[in-house]
Amino acid sequence: DCRECLPGSFNDARGSPNCTSCASGRYTAEYGATSCDACPAGGYCPSPTGSLELVFKPCPAGSFNPFAGQAAAEACQECPAGSHNPRTGQSSSSACQPCRPGYMAPADGMDECTPCPAGSFVHTPGATACKPCWMGHYCDEGSAQPAPCKAGTYDASLPDAIHAEPLDGDEYGSGDTSAWEDGSGDFWPSSIEQLLGL
């Protein structure tokens, strides 16, 4: 008398005397199954062998799993540094999107990119770090490119940098911006090139 395999087990061979329990990461709720269904890609199923139901755990944001039938959290692969994935349950590496210019992802498995802090920038996508702002320029948070300081101002990273005001007297001629006064009686050149003697 041939009996059907119980749920949680299967038999895929004719004449076999035994049914085989579904492996971890696979399940079946049917009687007489000839195979077990695999846990879908995009997560894992921490079910024991012989499972009758699917217990699906999606991969967390910042990771993905392209393979079905996985039973452990280690199946979820982290997005590489320089990219991010804000969604859970992703099954493809394409879910890991490169950071846009002005942002970085310094570590693997990030669910969002971090803006470059003020005083730094990065102009290429997929960055893992930001670069120091150029001398004579300024960089706000999330800058993709340094912006040049206006005449009469200096990059705050320069020693004793001062936001200068234009000279009002006639010493250099009214409206002449070849020199600026910082309020202490000192005069400053109107560009970083003049400061450096270029």
C-alpha atoms as a PDB file:
ATOM      1  CA  ASP A   1       0.000   0.000   0.000  1.00  0.00           C
ATOM      2  CA  CYS A   2       1.680   3.255  -1.168  1.00  0.00           C
ATOM      3  CA  ARG A   3       1.126   6.206   1.133  1.00  0.00           C
ATOM      4  CA  GLU A   4       1.503   9.882   0.332  1.00  0.00           C
ATOM      5  CA  CYS A   5       4.385  11.838   1.782  1.00  0.00           C
ATOM      6  CA  LEU A   6       3.300  14.096   4.601  1.00  0.00           C
ATOM      7  CA  PRO A   7       3.505  17.894   4.342  1.00  0.00           C
ATOM      8  CA  GLY A   8       7.070  19.013   4.977  1.00  0.00           C
ATOM      9  CA  SER A   9       8.491  16.075   3.046  1.00  0.00           C
ATOM     10  CA  PHE A  10       8.726  14.829  -0.531  1.00  0.00           C
ATOM     11  CA  ASN A  11       9.726  11.891  -2.695  1.00  0.00           C
ATOM     12  CA  ASP A  12      10.944  12.510  -6.221  1.00  0.00           C
ATOM     13  CA  ALA A  13      11.847   8.923  -7.175  1.00  0.00           C
ATOM     14  CA  ARG A  14       9.671   6.025  -8.197  1.00  0.00           C
ATOM     15  CA  GLY A  15       9.984   2.962  -5.980  1.00  0.00           C
ATOM     16  CA  SER A  16      11.619   4.851  -3.105  1.00  0.00           C
ATOM     17  CA  PRO A  17      10.712   3.420   0.300  1.00  0.00           C
ATOM     18  CA  ASN A  18      11.013   6.748   2.171  1.00  0.00           C
ATOM     19  CA  CYS A  19      10.063  10.403   1.978  1.00  0.00           C
ATOM     20  CA  THR A  20      12.694  13.071   2.508  1.00  0.00           C
ATOM     21  CA  SER A  21      12.195  16.094   4.740  1.00  0.00           C
ATOM     22  CA  CYS A  22      12.361  19.481   3.030  1.00  0.00           C
ATOM     23  CA  ALA A  23      15.732  21.081   3.581  1.00  0.00           C
ATOM     24  CA  SER A  24      16.092  24.237   5.597  1.00  0.00           C
ATOM     25  CA  GLY A  25      15.083  27.161   3.405  1.00  0.00           C
ATOM     26  CA  ARG A  26      12.493  25.037   1.595  1.00  0.00           C
ATOM     27  CA  TYR A  27       8.951  23.931   2.465  1.00  0.00           C
ATOM     28  CA  THR A  28       5.795  22.218   1.259  1.00  0.00           C
ATOM     29  CA  ALA A  29       2.297  22.171   2.710  1.00  0.00           C
ATOM     30  CA  GLU A  30       1.079  19.465   0.317  1.00  0.00           C
ATOM     31  CA  TYR A  31       0.512  15.748   0.764  1.00  0.00           C
ATOM     32  CA  GLY A  32       2.279  13.598  -1.792  1.00  0.00           C
ATOM     33  CA  ALA A  33       4.757  16.294  -2.830  1.00  0.00           C
ATOM     34  CA  THR A  34       7.491  15.399  -5.278  1.00  0.00           C
ATOM     35  CA  SER A  35       9.521  18.534  -4.482  1.00  0.00           C
ATOM     36  CA  CYS A  36       9.749  21.356  -1.974  1.00  0.00           C
ATOM     37  CA  ASP A  37       9.272  25.022  -2.752  1.00  0.00           C
ATOM     38  CA  ALA A  38      12.290  27.254  -2.246  1.00  0.00           C
ATOM     39  CA  CYS A  39      12.344  30.367  -0.148  1.00  0.00           C
ATOM     40  CA  PRO A  40      12.194  33.277  -2.606  1.00  0.00           C
ATOM     41  CA  ALA A  41      15.194  35.415  -3.464  1.00  0.00           C
ATOM     42  CA  GLY A  42      15.381  38.754  -1.691  1.00  0.00           C
ATOM     43  CA  GLY A  43      15.472  37.232   1.761  1.00  0.00           C
ATOM     44  CA  TYR A  44      15.801  33.995   3.683  1.00  0.00           C
ATOM     45  CA  CYS A  45      13.613  31.493   5.500  1.00  0.00           C
ATOM     46  CA  PRO A  46      14.975  30.473   8.911  1.00  0.00           C
ATOM     47  CA  SER A  47      12.741  27.390   8.942  1.00  0.00           C
ATOM     48  CA  PRO A  48      13.921  23.995  10.194  1.00  0.00           C
ATOM     49  CA  THR A  49      13.961  20.947   7.970  1.00  0.00           C
ATOM     50  CA  GLY A  50      10.553  19.487   7.299  1.00  0.00           C
ATOM     51  CA  SER A  51       8.782  22.858   7.341  1.00  0.00           C
ATOM     52  CA  LEU A  52       5.112  23.028   6.422  1.00  0.00           C
ATOM     53  CA  GLU A  53       4.968  26.757   5.843  1.00  0.00           C
ATOM     54  CA  LEU A  54       7.056  29.635   4.589  1.00  0.00           C
ATOM     55  CA  VAL A  55       8.628  31.924   7.186  1.00  0.00           C
ATOM     56  CA  PHE A  56      10.132  34.637   5.017  1.00  0.00           C
ATOM     57  CA  LYS A  57      12.556  37.256   6.345  1.00  0.00           C
ATOM     58  CA  PRO A  58      13.385  39.998   3.808  1.00  0.00           C
ATOM     59  CA  CYS A  59      16.953  41.200   3.484  1.00  0.00           C
ATOM     60  CA  PRO A  60      17.361  44.512   5.315  1.00  0.00           C
ATOM     61  CA  ALA A  61      17.922  47.795   3.508  1.00  0.00           C
ATOM     62  CA  GLY A  62      21.510  48.105   2.361  1.00  0.00           C
ATOM     63  CA  SER A  63      21.652  44.480   1.194  1.00  0.00           C
ATOM     64  CA  PHE A  64      20.227  41.978  -1.330  1.00  0.00           C
ATOM     65  CA  ASN A  65      20.044  38.232  -1.985  1.00  0.00           C
ATOM     66  CA  PRO A  66      19.836  36.924  -5.569  1.00  0.00           C
ATOM     67  CA  PHE A  67      19.454  33.249  -4.610  1.00  0.00           C
ATOM     68  CA  ALA A  68      16.321  31.300  -3.710  1.00  0.00           C
ATOM     69  CA  GLY A  69      16.244  28.607  -1.039  1.00  0.00           C
ATOM     70  CA  GLN A  70      18.358  30.434   1.531  1.00  0.00           C
ATOM     71  CA  ALA A  71      17.880  29.741   5.227  1.00  0.00           C
ATOM     72  CA  ALA A  72      20.223  32.168   7.027  1.00  0.00           C
ATOM     73  CA  ALA A  73      20.671  35.930   7.295  1.00  0.00           C
ATOM     74  CA  GLU A  74      24.195  35.530   5.925  1.00  0.00           C
ATOM     75  CA  ALA A  75      22.605  34.978   2.503  1.00  0.00           C
ATOM     76  CA  CYS A  76      21.938  38.722   2.322  1.00  0.00           C
ATOM     77  CA  GLN A  77      24.885  40.432   0.655  1.00  0.00           C
ATOM     78  CA  GLU A  78      25.763  43.979   1.645  1.00  0.00           C
ATOM     79  CA  CYS A  79      25.842  46.733  -0.955  1.00  0.00           C
ATOM     80  CA  PRO A  80      29.458  47.777  -1.528  1.00  0.00           C
ATOM     81  CA  ALA A  81      30.837  51.043  -0.192  1.00  0.00           C
ATOM     82  CA  GLY A  82      30.000  53.935  -2.489  1.00  0.00           C
ATOM     83  CA  SER A  83      26.436  52.695  -2.993  1.00  0.00           C
ATOM     84  CA  HIS A  84      23.196  52.428  -1.030  1.00  0.00           C
ATOM     85  CA  ASN A  85      19.868  50.617  -1.056  1.00  0.00           C
ATOM     86  CA  PRO A  86      16.949  52.110   0.914  1.00  0.00           C
ATOM     87  CA  ARG A  87      14.577  49.170   0.352  1.00  0.00           C
ATOM     88  CA  THR A  88      14.190  45.782   2.020  1.00  0.00           C
ATOM     89  CA  GLY A  89      13.718  42.436   0.278  1.00  0.00           C
ATOM     90  CA  GLN A  90      15.825  43.165  -2.792  1.00  0.00           C
ATOM     91  CA  SER A  91      16.988  40.290  -4.985  1.00  0.00           C
ATOM     92  CA  SER A  92      19.433  41.992  -7.351  1.00  0.00           C
ATOM     93  CA  SER A  93      22.715  43.845  -7.034  1.00  0.00           C
ATOM     94  CA  SER A  94      21.126  46.551  -9.199  1.00  0.00           C
ATOM     95  CA  ALA A  95      19.235  47.606  -6.068  1.00  0.00           C
ATOM     96  CA  CYS A  96      22.544  49.076  -4.860  1.00  0.00           C
ATOM     97  CA  GLN A  97      22.636  52.519  -6.426  1.00  0.00           C
ATOM     98  CA  PRO A  98      25.825  54.627  -6.490  1.00  0.00           C
ATOM     99  CA  CYS A  99      25.830  57.742  -4.346  1.00  0.00           C
ATOM    100  CA  ARG A 100      25.251  60.910  -6.336  1.00  0.00           C
ATOM    101  CA  PRO A 101      27.899  63.654  -6.429  1.00  0.00           C
ATOM    102  CA  GLY A 102      28.127  65.476  -3.124  1.00  0.00           C
ATOM    103  CA  TYR A 103      27.346  62.305  -1.166  1.00  0.00           C
ATOM    104  CA  MET A 104      29.337  59.293  -0.016  1.00  0.00           C
ATOM    105  CA  ALA A 105      28.933  55.805   1.444  1.00  0.00           C
ATOM    106  CA  PRO A 106      32.126  55.028   3.367  1.00  0.00           C
ATOM    107  CA  ALA A 107      31.112  51.505   4.419  1.00  0.00           C
ATOM    108  CA  ASP A 108      29.400  48.421   3.016  1.00  0.00           C
ATOM    109  CA  GLY A 109      25.706  47.848   3.674  1.00  0.00           C
ATOM    110  CA  MET A 110      24.493  51.448   3.819  1.00  0.00           C
ATOM    111  CA  ASP A 111      20.805  52.188   3.308  1.00  0.00           C
ATOM    112  CA  GLU A 112      21.452  55.839   2.440  1.00  0.00           C
ATOM    113  CA  CYS A 113      24.364  57.998   1.380  1.00  0.00           C
ATOM    114  CA  THR A 114      25.835  60.629   3.668  1.00  0.00           C
ATOM    115  CA  PRO A 115      26.254  64.213   2.447  1.00  0.00           C
ATOM    116  CA  CYS A 116      29.780  65.549   2.361  1.00  0.00           C
ATOM    117  CA  PRO A 117      30.250  67.709   5.452  1.00  0.00           C
ATOM    118  CA  ALA A 118      30.757  71.435   5.037  1.00  0.00           C
ATOM    119  CA  GLY A 119      34.312  72.120   3.950  1.00  0.00           C
ATOM    120  CA  SER A 120      34.485  69.108   1.639  1.00  0.00           C
ATOM    121  CA  PHE A 121      33.093  67.925  -1.705  1.00  0.00           C
ATOM    122  CA  VAL A 122      33.059  65.062  -4.194  1.00  0.00           C
ATOM    123  CA  HIS A 123      32.165  65.468  -7.863  1.00  0.00           C
ATOM    124  CA  THR A 124      32.044  61.821  -8.932  1.00  0.00           C
ATOM    125  CA  PRO A 125      29.223  59.337  -8.267  1.00  0.00           C
ATOM    126  CA  GLY A 126      29.854  56.256  -6.144  1.00  0.00           C
ATOM    127  CA  ALA A 127      32.218  57.987  -3.723  1.00  0.00           C
ATOM    128  CA  THR A 128      33.425  56.384  -0.504  1.00  0.00           C
ATOM    129  CA  ALA A 129      34.982  59.599   0.845  1.00  0.00           C
ATOM    130  CA  CYS A 130      34.873  63.356   0.284  1.00  0.00           C
ATOM    131  CA  LYS A 131      37.792  65.616  -0.611  1.00  0.00           C
ATOM    132  CA  PRO A 132      38.870  68.793   1.201  1.00  0.00           C
ATOM    133  CA  CYS A 133      37.539  71.972  -0.347  1.00  0.00           C
ATOM    134  CA  TRP A 134      39.986  73.876  -2.543  1.00  0.00           C
ATOM    135  CA  MET A 135      41.865  76.887  -1.233  1.00  0.00           C
ATOM    136  CA  GLY A 136      40.065  80.072  -2.211  1.00  0.00           C
ATOM    137  CA  HIS A 137      36.737  78.250  -2.472  1.00  0.00           C
ATOM    138  CA  TYR A 138      33.964  77.210  -0.117  1.00  0.00           C
ATOM    139  CA  CYS A 139      31.920  74.017   0.124  1.00  0.00           C
ATOM    140  CA  ASP A 140      28.554  73.784   1.835  1.00  0.00           C
ATOM    141  CA  GLU A 141      27.242  70.462   3.104  1.00  0.00           C
ATOM    142  CA  GLY A 142      26.550  68.105   0.207  1.00  0.00           C
ATOM    143  CA  SER A 143      28.717  70.033  -2.261  1.00  0.00           C
ATOM    144  CA  ALA A 144      29.519  68.359  -5.557  1.00  0.00           C
ATOM    145  CA  GLN A 145      31.905  71.128  -6.614  1.00  0.00           C
ATOM    146  CA  PRO A 146      33.731  73.902  -4.743  1.00  0.00           C
ATOM    147  CA  ALA A 147      32.387  77.413  -5.315  1.00  0.00           C
ATOM    148  CA  PRO A 148      34.913  80.262  -5.653  1.00  0.00           C
ATOM    149  CA  CYS A 149      34.988  82.837  -2.889  1.00  0.00           C
ATOM    150  CA  LYS A 150      33.850  86.275  -3.983  1.00  0.00           C
ATOM    151  CA  ALA A 151      36.343  89.095  -4.214  1.00  0.00           C
ATOM    152  CA  GLY A 152      36.990  90.445  -0.745  1.00  0.00           C
ATOM    153  CA  THR A 153      36.489  87.097   0.963  1.00  0.00           C
ATOM    154  CA  TYR A 154      38.746  84.182   1.743  1.00  0.00           C
ATOM    155  CA  ASP A 155      38.341  80.489   2.297  1.00  0.00           C
ATOM    156  CA  ALA A 156      37.880  79.967   6.032  1.00  0.00           C
ATOM    157  CA  SER A 157      40.528  77.240   5.971  1.00  0.00           C
ATOM    158  CA  LEU A 158      43.220  79.858   5.295  1.00  0.00           C
ATOM    159  CA  PRO A 159      45.080  81.192   8.355  1.00  0.00           C
ATOM    160  CA  ASP A 160      43.352  84.218   9.870  1.00  0.00           C
ATOM    161  CA  ALA A 161      40.807  84.258   7.058  1.00  0.00           C
ATOM    162  CA  ILE A 162      38.581  87.309   7.106  1.00  0.00           C
ATOM    163  CA  HIS A 163      35.373  88.184   5.357  1.00  0.00           C
ATOM    164  CA  ALA A 164      36.497  91.611   4.141  1.00  0.00           C
ATOM    165  CA  GLU A 165      34.513  94.693   3.213  1.00  0.00           C
ATOM    166  CA  PRO A 166      35.267  96.952   0.224  1.00  0.00           C
ATOM    167  CA  LEU A 167      37.333 100.061   0.865  1.00  0.00           C
ATOM    168  CA  ASP A 168      35.243 103.267   0.971  1.00  0.00           C
ATOM    169  CA  GLY A 169      37.998 105.907   0.938  1.00  0.00           C
ATOM    170  CA  ASP A 170      39.744 107.494  -2.008  1.00  0.00           C
ATOM    171  CA  GLU A 171      43.142 105.997  -1.267  1.00  0.00           C
ATOM    172  CA  TYR A 172      42.579 103.460  -4.042  1.00  0.00           C
ATOM    173  CA  GLY A 173      39.928 105.443  -5.853  1.00  0.00           C
ATOM    174  CA  SER A 174      36.172 105.239  -5.303  1.00  0.00           C
ATOM    175  CA  GLY A 175      34.836 101.793  -6.166  1.00  0.00           C
ATOM    176  CA  ASP A 176      38.308 100.353  -6.720  1.00  0.00           C
ATOM    177  CA  THR A 177      38.340  96.717  -5.570  1.00  0.00           C
ATOM    178  CA  SER A 178      42.045  96.134  -5.935  1.00  0.00           C
ATOM    179  CA  ALA A 179      42.289  96.361  -2.140  1.00  0.00           C
ATOM    180  CA  TRP A 180      39.939  95.635   0.745  1.00  0.00           C
ATOM    181  CA  GLU A 181      39.902  96.589   4.383  1.00  0.00           C
ATOM    182  CA  ASP A 182      39.233  94.032   7.106  1.00  0.00           C
ATOM    183  CA  GLY A 183      38.276  96.522   9.820  1.00  0.00           C
ATOM    184  CA  SER A 184      41.664  96.532  11.521  1.00  0.00           C
ATOM    185  CA  GLY A 185      43.250  99.000   9.111  1.00  0.00           C
ATOM    186  CA  ASP A 186      44.872  96.261   7.045  1.00  0.00           C
ATOM    187  CA  PHE A 187      44.329  96.003   3.322  1.00  0.00           C
ATOM    188  CA  TRP A 188      43.804  92.762   1.465  1.00  0.00           C
ATOM    189  CA  PRO A 189      44.046  91.841  -2.223  1.00  0.00           C
ATOM    190  CA  SER A 190      40.794  91.172  -4.033  1.00  0.00           C
ATOM    191  CA  SER A 191      41.511  87.591  -5.108  1.00  0.00           C
ATOM    192  CA  ILE A 192      43.247  84.486  -3.887  1.00  0.00           C
ATOM    193  CA  GLU A 193      45.661  84.800  -6.829  1.00  0.00           C
ATOM    194  CA  GLN A 194      46.814  88.196  -5.568  1.00  0.00           C
ATOM    195  CA  LEU A 195      47.145  86.815  -2.064  1.00  0.00           C
ATOM    196  CA  LEU A 196      49.432  84.067  -3.352  1.00  0.00           C
ATOM    197  CA  GLY A 197      51.293  86.442  -5.619  1.00  0.00           C
ATOM    198  CA  LEU A 198      50.143  84.762  -8.805  1.00  0.00           C
END
